[in-house]
Amino acid sequence: MQHGGSHRGSRVATNARLRSPRRPSPIESVIEHRIGNVTLQLTVGDITNQLDIDAVVNAANAELRPGGGVAGAIHRAAGPGLAEECAPLAPIAPGECVITAGYGLPNPHVIHCLGPVYGSDEPADKLLSNCYRGALELADHKQLSSIAFPAISTGAFGYPAAEAAGVALRTISEVATRLEKVTVVRMVLYSQGDLEIHTEVLDELHTD
């Protein structure tokens, strides 16, 4: 099985729902940074309530099943159709991503990424980078204009928040300059503390 930006299982169900015009998400505060033609946004919020985003990223398990954390929240919001479409696409390996329809979510698509378990899946930084790179490239390939990520692997998989933020933001900054269709990349974070960590890392990355 290939790692990284694998597009295996990249079919999209015909019942993916498109919404136009879209209402803006109920975001209290957003930190924005421009990278070429891409606006990178950092915010605290609910990944299942990003109303203006084409694809949300699921921090998935290998079997693409409902579980805890982000995966559980996304599957609950999407409904049983998501698990049914995911079943034949599993298993996926760390660093790999696949795309499905959004079903009951307010987004036409979900991109499922399996992040590394910290201290177990190595090299963890490369595998985590592959998740962000693969999801961005897949969204661009599907001609989507916006994507929202959670902080992959920082929950039950134990990746330290600051280290994960560095990998995520470096990868997004690198890939953003090559994107042709994606113009908004949003990091939807769990807490104000997480937002502060990501903001500090972003400032360090883009300080001359």
N, C-alpha and C. Protein backbone atom coordinates (compact mmCIF):
# COMPACT_ATOMS: atom_id res chain seq x y z
N MET A 1 0.84 -1.20 0.00
CA MET A 1 0.00 0.00 0.00
C MET A 1 0.87 1.24 0.00
N GLN A 2 0.53 2.21 -0.78
CA GLN A 2 1.33 3.41 -0.88
C GLN A 2 0.98 4.38 0.22
N HIS A 3 2.00 5.11 0.66
CA HIS A 3 1.79 6.15 1.65
C HIS A 3 1.66 7.49 0.95
N GLY A 4 1.43 8.52 1.80
CA GLY A 4 1.48 9.89 1.29
C GLY A 4 0.24 10.25 0.54
N GLY A 5 0.43 10.92 -0.61
CA GLY A 5 -0.69 11.49 -1.34
C GLY A 5 -1.38 10.48 -2.22
N SER A 6 -1.63 9.26 -1.70
CA SER A 6 -2.30 8.25 -2.49
C SER A 6 -3.72 8.67 -2.78
N HIS A 7 -4.14 8.49 -4.02
CA HIS A 7 -5.51 8.86 -4.40
C HIS A 7 -6.38 7.62 -4.57
N ARG A 8 -5.94 6.47 -4.00
CA ARG A 8 -6.77 5.28 -4.08
C ARG A 8 -8.10 5.56 -3.40
N GLY A 9 -9.17 5.07 -4.01
CA GLY A 9 -10.48 5.28 -3.42
C GLY A 9 -10.94 6.72 -3.54
N SER A 10 -10.55 7.39 -4.61
CA SER A 10 -10.87 8.81 -4.70
C SER A 10 -12.19 9.07 -5.40
N ARG A 11 -13.01 8.03 -5.55
CA ARG A 11 -14.32 8.26 -6.14
C ARG A 11 -15.17 9.07 -5.18
N VAL A 12 -16.11 9.80 -5.71
CA VAL A 12 -17.01 10.61 -4.90
C VAL A 12 -18.44 10.20 -5.23
N ALA A 13 -19.22 9.89 -4.20
CA ALA A 13 -20.59 9.43 -4.44
C ALA A 13 -21.41 10.51 -5.13
N THR A 14 -22.39 10.05 -5.90
CA THR A 14 -23.18 10.99 -6.69
C THR A 14 -24.13 11.82 -5.84
N ASN A 15 -24.31 11.40 -4.56
CA ASN A 15 -25.23 12.17 -3.73
C ASN A 15 -24.51 13.22 -2.90
N ALA A 16 -23.26 13.53 -3.24
CA ALA A 16 -22.57 14.64 -2.58
C ALA A 16 -23.37 15.92 -2.84
N ARG A 17 -23.61 16.66 -1.76
CA ARG A 17 -24.51 17.81 -1.90
C ARG A 17 -23.72 19.09 -2.03
N LEU A 18 -24.02 19.84 -3.06
CA LEU A 18 -23.37 21.13 -3.26
C LEU A 18 -24.29 22.23 -2.78
N ARG A 19 -23.70 23.21 -2.12
CA ARG A 19 -24.50 24.30 -1.58
C ARG A 19 -23.98 25.63 -2.12
N SER A 20 -24.84 26.38 -2.76
CA SER A 20 -24.43 27.68 -3.26
C SER A 20 -25.64 28.61 -3.21
N PRO A 21 -25.48 29.81 -2.68
CA PRO A 21 -24.27 30.28 -2.00
C PRO A 21 -24.15 29.65 -0.63
N ARG A 22 -22.91 29.61 -0.07
CA ARG A 22 -22.71 29.06 1.25
C ARG A 22 -22.73 30.16 2.29
N ARG A 23 -23.25 29.82 3.46
CA ARG A 23 -23.19 30.75 4.58
C ARG A 23 -21.83 30.63 5.25
N PRO A 24 -21.31 31.73 5.80
CA PRO A 24 -20.04 31.63 6.49
C PRO A 24 -20.17 30.80 7.76
N SER A 25 -19.10 30.11 8.16
CA SER A 25 -19.12 29.36 9.40
C SER A 25 -19.18 30.30 10.59
N PRO A 26 -19.79 29.84 11.69
CA PRO A 26 -19.88 30.68 12.88
C PRO A 26 -18.55 30.67 13.63
N ILE A 27 -17.59 31.45 13.15
CA ILE A 27 -16.26 31.49 13.73
C ILE A 27 -16.11 32.78 14.51
N GLU A 28 -15.67 32.68 15.78
CA GLU A 28 -15.54 33.87 16.61
C GLU A 28 -14.31 34.69 16.21
N SER A 29 -13.19 34.03 15.98
CA SER A 29 -11.98 34.75 15.62
C SER A 29 -11.13 33.88 14.70
N VAL A 30 -10.49 34.51 13.76
CA VAL A 30 -9.67 33.80 12.79
C VAL A 30 -8.33 34.52 12.65
N ILE A 31 -7.25 33.76 12.71
CA ILE A 31 -5.93 34.28 12.38
C ILE A 31 -5.69 33.91 10.91
N GLU A 32 -5.34 34.89 10.09
CA GLU A 32 -5.15 34.63 8.67
C GLU A 32 -3.72 34.97 8.25
N HIS A 33 -3.21 34.17 7.32
CA HIS A 33 -1.89 34.42 6.74
C HIS A 33 -1.96 34.07 5.26
N ARG A 34 -1.45 34.94 4.43
CA ARG A 34 -1.48 34.75 2.99
C ARG A 34 -0.21 34.05 2.51
N ILE A 35 -0.39 32.97 1.74
CA ILE A 35 0.73 32.25 1.13
C ILE A 35 0.43 32.13 -0.36
N GLY A 36 1.02 32.99 -1.17
CA GLY A 36 0.69 33.00 -2.60
C GLY A 36 -0.78 33.33 -2.78
N ASN A 37 -1.49 32.45 -3.48
CA ASN A 37 -2.92 32.64 -3.71
C ASN A 37 -3.79 31.98 -2.65
N VAL A 38 -3.17 31.42 -1.62
CA VAL A 38 -3.90 30.68 -0.59
C VAL A 38 -3.97 31.49 0.70
N THR A 39 -5.16 31.52 1.31
CA THR A 39 -5.34 32.10 2.63
C THR A 39 -5.36 30.98 3.65
N LEU A 40 -4.37 30.97 4.54
CA LEU A 40 -4.32 30.01 5.64
C LEU A 40 -5.02 30.63 6.84
N GLN A 41 -5.98 29.90 7.40
CA GLN A 41 -6.74 30.38 8.54
C GLN A 41 -6.54 29.46 9.74
N LEU A 42 -6.39 30.05 10.91
CA LEU A 42 -6.33 29.32 12.18
C LEU A 42 -7.49 29.76 13.04
N THR A 43 -8.24 28.81 13.58
CA THR A 43 -9.39 29.15 14.41
C THR A 43 -9.69 28.03 15.38
N VAL A 44 -10.44 28.34 16.42
CA VAL A 44 -10.98 27.33 17.34
C VAL A 44 -12.41 27.05 16.92
N GLY A 45 -12.78 25.79 16.82
CA GLY A 45 -14.14 25.50 16.39
C GLY A 45 -14.44 24.02 16.30
N ASP A 46 -15.54 23.72 15.64
CA ASP A 46 -16.07 22.38 15.46
C ASP A 46 -15.87 21.97 14.01
N ILE A 47 -15.10 20.94 13.77
CA ILE A 47 -14.79 20.51 12.40
C ILE A 47 -16.04 20.10 11.64
N THR A 48 -17.11 19.72 12.35
CA THR A 48 -18.34 19.30 11.68
C THR A 48 -19.26 20.47 11.36
N ASN A 49 -18.84 21.68 11.68
CA ASN A 49 -19.70 22.86 11.49
C ASN A 49 -19.00 23.94 10.67
N GLN A 50 -18.26 23.51 9.66
CA GLN A 50 -17.54 24.44 8.77
C GLN A 50 -18.38 24.61 7.51
N LEU A 51 -19.34 25.50 7.57
CA LEU A 51 -20.39 25.56 6.57
C LEU A 51 -19.93 26.06 5.21
N ASP A 52 -18.81 26.74 5.16
CA ASP A 52 -18.35 27.38 3.92
C ASP A 52 -17.18 26.63 3.28
N ILE A 53 -16.96 25.38 3.67
CA ILE A 53 -15.78 24.62 3.25
C ILE A 53 -16.18 23.45 2.35
N ASP A 54 -15.42 23.24 1.29
CA ASP A 54 -15.72 22.16 0.34
C ASP A 54 -15.42 20.77 0.90
N ALA A 55 -14.31 20.64 1.63
CA ALA A 55 -13.93 19.34 2.17
C ALA A 55 -13.37 19.52 3.58
N VAL A 56 -13.87 18.71 4.51
CA VAL A 56 -13.28 18.64 5.84
C VAL A 56 -12.45 17.37 5.94
N VAL A 57 -11.41 17.44 6.74
CA VAL A 57 -10.50 16.30 6.88
C VAL A 57 -10.86 15.54 8.15
N ASN A 58 -10.98 14.24 8.01
CA ASN A 58 -11.24 13.34 9.13
C ASN A 58 -9.92 12.75 9.60
N ALA A 59 -9.62 12.91 10.90
CA ALA A 59 -8.47 12.23 11.50
C ALA A 59 -8.91 10.79 11.75
N ALA A 60 -8.74 9.96 10.72
CA ALA A 60 -9.38 8.65 10.66
C ALA A 60 -8.58 7.58 11.38
N ASN A 61 -9.24 6.44 11.61
CA ASN A 61 -8.54 5.22 12.00
C ASN A 61 -8.31 4.38 10.75
N ALA A 62 -7.49 3.35 10.86
CA ALA A 62 -7.08 2.59 9.68
C ALA A 62 -8.25 1.95 8.95
N GLU A 63 -9.28 1.57 9.70
CA GLU A 63 -10.43 0.89 9.09
C GLU A 63 -11.51 1.86 8.63
N LEU A 64 -11.25 3.18 8.79
CA LEU A 64 -12.20 4.22 8.38
C LEU A 64 -13.57 4.06 9.04
N ARG A 65 -13.57 3.56 10.26
CA ARG A 65 -14.82 3.33 10.99
C ARG A 65 -15.09 4.49 11.95
N PRO A 66 -16.36 4.60 12.40
CA PRO A 66 -16.64 5.56 13.47
C PRO A 66 -15.82 5.18 14.70
N GLY A 67 -15.40 6.18 15.45
CA GLY A 67 -14.62 5.92 16.65
C GLY A 67 -14.77 7.09 17.59
N GLY A 68 -13.70 7.41 18.30
CA GLY A 68 -13.72 8.55 19.19
C GLY A 68 -13.19 9.78 18.51
N GLY A 69 -13.16 10.88 19.25
CA GLY A 69 -12.54 12.10 18.76
C GLY A 69 -13.16 12.63 17.48
N VAL A 70 -12.29 13.12 16.59
CA VAL A 70 -12.73 13.72 15.33
C VAL A 70 -13.49 12.70 14.48
N ALA A 71 -12.97 11.49 14.39
CA ALA A 71 -13.62 10.47 13.55
C ALA A 71 -15.04 10.20 14.02
N GLY A 72 -15.23 10.08 15.33
CA GLY A 72 -16.56 9.84 15.85
C GLY A 72 -17.51 11.00 15.57
N ALA A 73 -17.01 12.22 15.75
CA ALA A 73 -17.85 13.40 15.52
C ALA A 73 -18.25 13.50 14.06
N ILE A 74 -17.32 13.25 13.16
CA ILE A 74 -17.61 13.35 11.72
C ILE A 74 -18.61 12.27 11.30
N HIS A 75 -18.42 11.05 11.76
CA HIS A 75 -19.35 9.97 11.39
C HIS A 75 -20.74 10.21 11.97
N ARG A 76 -20.82 10.71 13.19
CA ARG A 76 -22.13 11.00 13.78
C ARG A 76 -22.86 12.07 12.98
N ALA A 77 -22.13 13.12 12.60
CA ALA A 77 -22.76 14.21 11.85
C ALA A 77 -23.12 13.79 10.43
N ALA A 78 -22.31 12.93 9.83
CA ALA A 78 -22.54 12.53 8.44
C ALA A 78 -23.64 11.49 8.31
N GLY A 79 -23.79 10.62 9.31
CA GLY A 79 -24.77 9.56 9.23
C GLY A 79 -24.18 8.27 8.67
N PRO A 80 -24.98 7.21 8.61
CA PRO A 80 -24.46 5.88 8.27
C PRO A 80 -23.95 5.74 6.84
N GLY A 81 -24.39 6.60 5.95
CA GLY A 81 -23.91 6.51 4.57
C GLY A 81 -22.41 6.67 4.46
N LEU A 82 -21.82 7.46 5.35
CA LEU A 82 -20.37 7.67 5.29
C LEU A 82 -19.63 6.38 5.59
N ALA A 83 -20.02 5.68 6.64
CA ALA A 83 -19.37 4.41 6.98
C ALA A 83 -19.54 3.39 5.87
N GLU A 84 -20.69 3.40 5.22
CA GLU A 84 -20.93 2.45 4.12
C GLU A 84 -20.00 2.71 2.95
N GLU A 85 -19.77 3.99 2.61
CA GLU A 85 -18.86 4.30 1.52
C GLU A 85 -17.41 4.04 1.91
N CYS A 86 -17.09 4.24 3.18
CA CYS A 86 -15.72 4.05 3.64
C CYS A 86 -15.30 2.58 3.65
N ALA A 87 -16.23 1.68 3.93
CA ALA A 87 -15.88 0.28 4.17
C ALA A 87 -15.00 -0.33 3.08
N PRO A 88 -15.35 -0.20 1.80
CA PRO A 88 -14.51 -0.83 0.77
C PRO A 88 -13.19 -0.11 0.51
N LEU A 89 -13.01 1.08 1.08
CA LEU A 89 -11.77 1.83 0.88
C LEU A 89 -10.71 1.48 1.92
N ALA A 90 -11.13 0.81 3.00
CA ALA A 90 -10.23 0.46 4.09
C ALA A 90 -9.57 -0.91 3.82
N PRO A 91 -8.41 -1.14 4.47
CA PRO A 91 -7.71 -0.26 5.40
C PRO A 91 -6.80 0.72 4.67
N ILE A 92 -6.45 1.80 5.36
CA ILE A 92 -5.45 2.71 4.84
C ILE A 92 -4.25 2.70 5.80
N ALA A 93 -3.10 3.10 5.29
CA ALA A 93 -1.87 3.10 6.07
C ALA A 93 -1.58 4.50 6.61
N PRO A 94 -0.74 4.62 7.64
CA PRO A 94 -0.36 5.94 8.12
C PRO A 94 0.20 6.81 7.00
N GLY A 95 -0.31 8.04 6.93
CA GLY A 95 0.10 8.97 5.89
C GLY A 95 -0.76 8.94 4.65
N GLU A 96 -1.67 8.00 4.57
CA GLU A 96 -2.50 7.86 3.38
C GLU A 96 -3.83 8.59 3.56
N CYS A 97 -4.44 9.01 2.44
CA CYS A 97 -5.74 9.67 2.51
C CYS A 97 -6.62 9.24 1.34
N VAL A 98 -7.93 9.21 1.60
CA VAL A 98 -8.93 8.89 0.58
C VAL A 98 -10.08 9.89 0.73
N ILE A 99 -10.88 10.01 -0.31
CA ILE A 99 -11.97 10.99 -0.31
C ILE A 99 -13.32 10.31 -0.49
N THR A 100 -14.32 10.83 0.20
CA THR A 100 -15.70 10.35 0.07
C THR A 100 -16.63 11.56 0.00
N ALA A 101 -17.90 11.26 -0.16
CA ALA A 101 -18.93 12.30 -0.06
C ALA A 101 -19.11 12.71 1.39
N GLY A 102 -19.81 13.83 1.61
CA GLY A 102 -20.00 14.35 2.96
C GLY A 102 -21.28 13.91 3.64
N TYR A 103 -22.26 13.42 2.87
CA TYR A 103 -23.53 12.94 3.42
C TYR A 103 -24.19 14.00 4.29
N GLY A 104 -24.44 13.76 5.56
CA GLY A 104 -25.16 14.71 6.39
C GLY A 104 -24.36 15.90 6.86
N LEU A 105 -23.08 15.93 6.55
CA LEU A 105 -22.26 17.11 6.88
C LEU A 105 -22.63 18.27 5.96
N PRO A 106 -22.30 19.49 6.35
CA PRO A 106 -22.57 20.63 5.47
C PRO A 106 -21.52 20.80 4.37
N ASN A 107 -20.70 19.79 4.18
CA ASN A 107 -19.61 19.84 3.20
C ASN A 107 -19.80 18.76 2.15
N PRO A 108 -19.54 19.05 0.88
CA PRO A 108 -19.70 18.03 -0.15
C PRO A 108 -18.77 16.83 0.01
N HIS A 109 -17.61 17.02 0.64
CA HIS A 109 -16.61 15.96 0.69
C HIS A 109 -15.97 15.83 2.07
N VAL A 110 -15.50 14.61 2.35
CA VAL A 110 -14.64 14.34 3.50
C VAL A 110 -13.37 13.68 2.97
N ILE A 111 -12.23 14.17 3.41
CA ILE A 111 -10.96 13.53 3.10
C ILE A 111 -10.46 12.88 4.38
N HIS A 112 -10.27 11.56 4.32
CA HIS A 112 -9.92 10.78 5.49
C HIS A 112 -8.41 10.52 5.49
N CYS A 113 -7.73 10.92 6.56
CA CYS A 113 -6.29 10.74 6.67
C CYS A 113 -5.97 9.94 7.93
N LEU A 114 -5.06 9.00 7.81
CA LEU A 114 -4.59 8.25 8.97
C LEU A 114 -3.26 8.82 9.42
N GLY A 115 -3.27 9.54 10.53
CA GLY A 115 -2.04 10.09 11.07
C GLY A 115 -1.25 9.04 11.82
N PRO A 116 0.02 9.31 12.09
CA PRO A 116 0.85 8.37 12.82
C PRO A 116 0.54 8.36 14.31
N VAL A 117 0.71 7.18 14.92
CA VAL A 117 0.69 7.08 16.37
C VAL A 117 2.08 7.48 16.86
N TYR A 118 2.14 8.51 17.68
CA TYR A 118 3.43 9.06 18.10
C TYR A 118 4.19 8.03 18.94
N GLY A 119 5.45 7.81 18.58
CA GLY A 119 6.27 6.84 19.28
C GLY A 119 6.13 5.43 18.76
N SER A 120 5.27 5.23 17.78
CA SER A 120 5.05 3.90 17.21
C SER A 120 5.25 3.89 15.70
N ASP A 121 4.53 4.75 15.00
CA ASP A 121 4.65 4.84 13.54
C ASP A 121 5.77 5.81 13.17
N GLU A 122 6.79 5.29 12.51
CA GLU A 122 7.95 6.11 12.18
C GLU A 122 8.27 6.05 10.68
N PRO A 123 8.86 7.12 10.12
CA PRO A 123 9.15 8.40 10.77
C PRO A 123 7.89 9.23 10.94
N ALA A 124 7.57 9.56 12.17
CA ALA A 124 6.29 10.21 12.47
C ALA A 124 6.13 11.53 11.74
N ASP A 125 7.21 12.33 11.67
CA ASP A 125 7.07 13.64 11.04
C ASP A 125 6.78 13.51 9.54
N LYS A 126 7.41 12.55 8.89
CA LYS A 126 7.15 12.35 7.46
C LYS A 126 5.73 11.85 7.23
N LEU A 127 5.28 10.91 8.06
CA LEU A 127 3.94 10.37 7.88
C LEU A 127 2.88 11.43 8.14
N LEU A 128 3.11 12.27 9.16
CA LEU A 128 2.15 13.35 9.43
C LEU A 128 2.15 14.36 8.29
N SER A 129 3.33 14.69 7.80
CA SER A 129 3.43 15.61 6.65
C SER A 129 2.70 15.04 5.44
N ASN A 130 2.81 13.74 5.23
CA ASN A 130 2.13 13.09 4.11
C ASN A 130 0.61 13.27 4.19
N CYS A 131 0.06 13.26 5.41
CA CYS A 131 -1.38 13.47 5.57
C CYS A 131 -1.79 14.84 5.03
N TYR A 132 -1.10 15.88 5.46
CA TYR A 132 -1.45 17.23 5.02
C TYR A 132 -1.18 17.41 3.53
N ARG A 133 -0.04 16.93 3.07
CA ARG A 133 0.30 17.06 1.65
C ARG A 133 -0.70 16.30 0.78
N GLY A 134 -0.97 15.07 1.16
CA GLY A 134 -1.89 14.25 0.37
C GLY A 134 -3.29 14.82 0.31
N ALA A 135 -3.78 15.33 1.45
CA ALA A 135 -5.13 15.90 1.47
C ALA A 135 -5.21 17.16 0.61
N LEU A 136 -4.19 18.01 0.70
CA LEU A 136 -4.19 19.23 -0.11
C LEU A 136 -4.12 18.90 -1.60
N GLU A 137 -3.26 17.96 -1.96
CA GLU A 137 -3.13 17.60 -3.37
C GLU A 137 -4.39 16.93 -3.89
N LEU A 138 -5.02 16.12 -3.05
CA LEU A 138 -6.27 15.47 -3.45
C LEU A 138 -7.38 16.49 -3.64
N ALA A 139 -7.49 17.45 -2.72
CA ALA A 139 -8.50 18.50 -2.86
C ALA A 139 -8.26 19.31 -4.13
N ASP A 140 -7.02 19.63 -4.41
CA ASP A 140 -6.69 20.39 -5.60
C ASP A 140 -7.01 19.59 -6.86
N HIS A 141 -6.70 18.29 -6.81
CA HIS A 141 -6.99 17.41 -7.95
C HIS A 141 -8.49 17.34 -8.23
N LYS A 142 -9.29 17.39 -7.18
CA LYS A 142 -10.75 17.36 -7.31
C LYS A 142 -11.34 18.74 -7.59
N GLN A 143 -10.47 19.73 -7.76
CA GLN A 143 -10.87 21.10 -8.09
C GLN A 143 -11.74 21.73 -7.00
N LEU A 144 -11.39 21.44 -5.76
CA LEU A 144 -12.07 22.06 -4.63
C LEU A 144 -11.36 23.37 -4.28
N SER A 145 -12.10 24.30 -3.71
CA SER A 145 -11.51 25.61 -3.43
C SER A 145 -11.15 25.79 -1.96
N SER A 146 -11.65 24.92 -1.08
CA SER A 146 -11.39 25.11 0.34
C SER A 146 -11.36 23.78 1.07
N ILE A 147 -10.54 23.73 2.13
CA ILE A 147 -10.37 22.52 2.92
C ILE A 147 -10.12 22.91 4.36
N ALA A 148 -10.66 22.12 5.30
CA ALA A 148 -10.47 22.38 6.72
C ALA A 148 -9.88 21.14 7.39
N PHE A 149 -8.82 21.35 8.17
CA PHE A 149 -8.13 20.28 8.88
C PHE A 149 -8.35 20.39 10.38
N PRO A 150 -8.45 19.26 11.08
CA PRO A 150 -8.21 19.26 12.52
C PRO A 150 -6.69 19.15 12.73
N ALA A 151 -6.25 19.15 13.98
CA ALA A 151 -4.84 18.92 14.28
C ALA A 151 -4.61 17.41 14.33
N ILE A 152 -4.26 16.84 13.19
CA ILE A 152 -4.17 15.39 13.04
C ILE A 152 -3.13 14.80 14.00
N SER A 153 -3.50 13.68 14.61
CA SER A 153 -2.65 12.86 15.49
C SER A 153 -2.40 13.45 16.86
N THR A 154 -2.98 14.61 17.19
CA THR A 154 -2.69 15.24 18.48
C THR A 154 -3.61 14.79 19.61
N GLY A 155 -4.61 13.97 19.30
CA GLY A 155 -5.51 13.46 20.33
C GLY A 155 -5.01 12.15 20.89
N ALA A 156 -5.77 11.09 20.67
CA ALA A 156 -5.43 9.77 21.20
C ALA A 156 -4.11 9.23 20.65
N PHE A 157 -3.68 9.73 19.48
CA PHE A 157 -2.43 9.24 18.89
C PHE A 157 -1.20 9.89 19.51
N GLY A 158 -1.38 10.88 20.37
CA GLY A 158 -0.33 11.34 21.25
C GLY A 158 0.75 12.23 20.69
N TYR A 159 0.55 12.79 19.50
CA TYR A 159 1.58 13.65 18.92
C TYR A 159 1.60 14.98 19.68
N PRO A 160 2.75 15.40 20.22
CA PRO A 160 2.80 16.68 20.96
C PRO A 160 2.32 17.84 20.09
N ALA A 161 1.52 18.71 20.68
CA ALA A 161 0.83 19.75 19.90
C ALA A 161 1.79 20.66 19.16
N ALA A 162 2.85 21.12 19.82
CA ALA A 162 3.76 22.06 19.16
C ALA A 162 4.51 21.40 18.02
N GLU A 163 4.95 20.16 18.21
CA GLU A 163 5.65 19.44 17.14
C GLU A 163 4.72 19.21 15.95
N ALA A 164 3.50 18.79 16.25
CA ALA A 164 2.53 18.54 15.18
C ALA A 164 2.20 19.82 14.44
N ALA A 165 2.09 20.93 15.17
CA ALA A 165 1.80 22.22 14.53
C ALA A 165 2.91 22.59 13.57
N GLY A 166 4.15 22.35 13.97
CA GLY A 166 5.28 22.66 13.10
C GLY A 166 5.24 21.87 11.81
N VAL A 167 4.96 20.57 11.92
CA VAL A 167 4.88 19.72 10.73
C VAL A 167 3.73 20.18 9.84
N ALA A 168 2.57 20.40 10.45
CA ALA A 168 1.38 20.79 9.68
C ALA A 168 1.59 22.10 8.94
N LEU A 169 2.06 23.12 9.64
CA LEU A 169 2.16 24.46 9.05
C LEU A 169 3.31 24.55 8.05
N ARG A 170 4.40 23.83 8.30
CA ARG A 170 5.47 23.79 7.30
C ARG A 170 4.99 23.13 6.01
N THR A 171 4.27 22.02 6.16
CA THR A 171 3.79 21.31 4.97
C THR A 171 2.77 22.14 4.21
N ILE A 172 1.82 22.73 4.92
CA ILE A 172 0.82 23.57 4.26
C ILE A 172 1.49 24.73 3.54
N SER A 173 2.46 25.37 4.19
CA SER A 173 3.15 26.51 3.58
C SER A 173 3.89 26.10 2.32
N GLU A 174 4.50 24.92 2.34
CA GLU A 174 5.23 24.41 1.18
C GLU A 174 4.28 24.08 0.03
N VAL A 175 3.23 23.34 0.33
CA VAL A 175 2.32 22.86 -0.72
C VAL A 175 1.47 24.00 -1.28
N ALA A 176 1.14 24.99 -0.45
CA ALA A 176 0.24 26.07 -0.87
C ALA A 176 0.72 26.79 -2.11
N THR A 177 2.02 26.91 -2.27
CA THR A 177 2.56 27.64 -3.42
C THR A 177 2.34 26.89 -4.73
N ARG A 178 1.99 25.61 -4.66
CA ARG A 178 1.78 24.80 -5.87
C ARG A 178 0.31 24.54 -6.17
N LEU A 179 -0.57 24.95 -5.29
CA LEU A 179 -1.99 24.66 -5.49
C LEU A 179 -2.59 25.55 -6.57
N GLU A 180 -3.45 24.97 -7.38
CA GLU A 180 -4.08 25.70 -8.47
C GLU A 180 -5.54 26.03 -8.20
N LYS A 181 -6.23 25.20 -7.44
CA LYS A 181 -7.66 25.40 -7.20
C LYS A 181 -7.98 25.78 -5.77
N VAL A 182 -7.27 25.20 -4.83
CA VAL A 182 -7.52 25.47 -3.41
C VAL A 182 -7.04 26.88 -3.06
N THR A 183 -7.92 27.68 -2.50
CA THR A 183 -7.58 29.05 -2.11
C THR A 183 -7.74 29.32 -0.61
N VAL A 184 -8.41 28.42 0.12
CA VAL A 184 -8.57 28.57 1.56
C VAL A 184 -8.20 27.26 2.24
N VAL A 185 -7.27 27.33 3.19
CA VAL A 185 -6.90 26.20 4.03
C VAL A 185 -7.12 26.62 5.47
N ARG A 186 -7.99 25.91 6.16
CA ARG A 186 -8.36 26.28 7.53
C ARG A 186 -7.92 25.18 8.50
N MET A 187 -7.26 25.59 9.58
CA MET A 187 -6.98 24.69 10.70
C MET A 187 -8.02 24.95 11.77
N VAL A 188 -8.84 23.94 12.07
CA VAL A 188 -9.89 24.08 13.07
C VAL A 188 -9.40 23.39 14.34
N LEU A 189 -9.08 24.18 15.34
CA LEU A 189 -8.38 23.69 16.51
C LEU A 189 -9.32 23.50 17.70
N TYR A 190 -8.87 22.69 18.65
CA TYR A 190 -9.73 22.25 19.75
C TYR A 190 -9.88 23.31 20.84
N SER A 191 -8.81 24.06 21.10
CA SER A 191 -8.84 24.97 22.24
C SER A 191 -8.08 26.26 21.94
N GLN A 192 -8.28 27.25 22.80
CA GLN A 192 -7.55 28.50 22.67
C GLN A 192 -6.05 28.27 22.83
N GLY A 193 -5.69 27.33 23.69
CA GLY A 193 -4.28 26.99 23.85
C GLY A 193 -3.68 26.45 22.57
N ASP A 194 -4.42 25.61 21.87
CA ASP A 194 -3.96 25.09 20.59
C ASP A 194 -3.80 26.21 19.56
N LEU A 195 -4.74 27.15 19.58
CA LEU A 195 -4.65 28.29 18.66
C LEU A 195 -3.39 29.11 18.93
N GLU A 196 -3.09 29.33 20.19
CA GLU A 196 -1.89 30.09 20.54
C GLU A 196 -0.63 29.37 20.09
N ILE A 197 -0.58 28.05 20.26
CA ILE A 197 0.58 27.27 19.81
C ILE A 197 0.75 27.39 18.30
N HIS A 198 -0.33 27.21 17.55
CA HIS A 198 -0.25 27.28 16.09
C HIS A 198 0.12 28.69 15.62
N THR A 199 -0.41 29.70 16.30
CA THR A 199 -0.09 31.08 15.93
C THR A 199 1.39 31.37 16.13
N GLU A 200 1.94 30.90 17.25
CA GLU A 200 3.36 31.10 17.52
C GLU A 200 4.22 30.39 16.49
N VAL A 201 3.85 29.14 16.16
CA VAL A 201 4.61 28.39 15.16
C VAL A 201 4.54 29.07 13.80
N LEU A 202 3.37 29.53 13.43
CA LEU A 202 3.21 30.21 12.15
C LEU A 202 4.06 31.48 12.10
N ASP A 203 4.07 32.23 13.18
CA ASP A 203 4.88 33.44 13.21
C ASP A 203 6.36 33.12 13.04
N GLU A 204 6.82 32.04 13.69
CA GLU A 204 8.22 31.65 13.58
C GLU A 204 8.57 31.22 12.16
N LEU A 205 7.66 30.51 11.53
CA LEU A 205 7.91 30.01 10.18
C LEU A 205 8.03 31.14 9.17
N HIS A 206 7.27 32.21 9.38
CA HIS A 206 7.19 33.27 8.37
C HIS A 206 7.83 34.58 8.84
N THR A 207 8.71 34.47 9.83
CA THR A 207 9.50 35.64 10.24
C THR A 207 10.78 35.67 9.45
N ASP A 208 11.05 36.78 8.79
CA ASP A 208 12.26 36.92 7.98
C ASP A 208 13.51 36.90 8.87
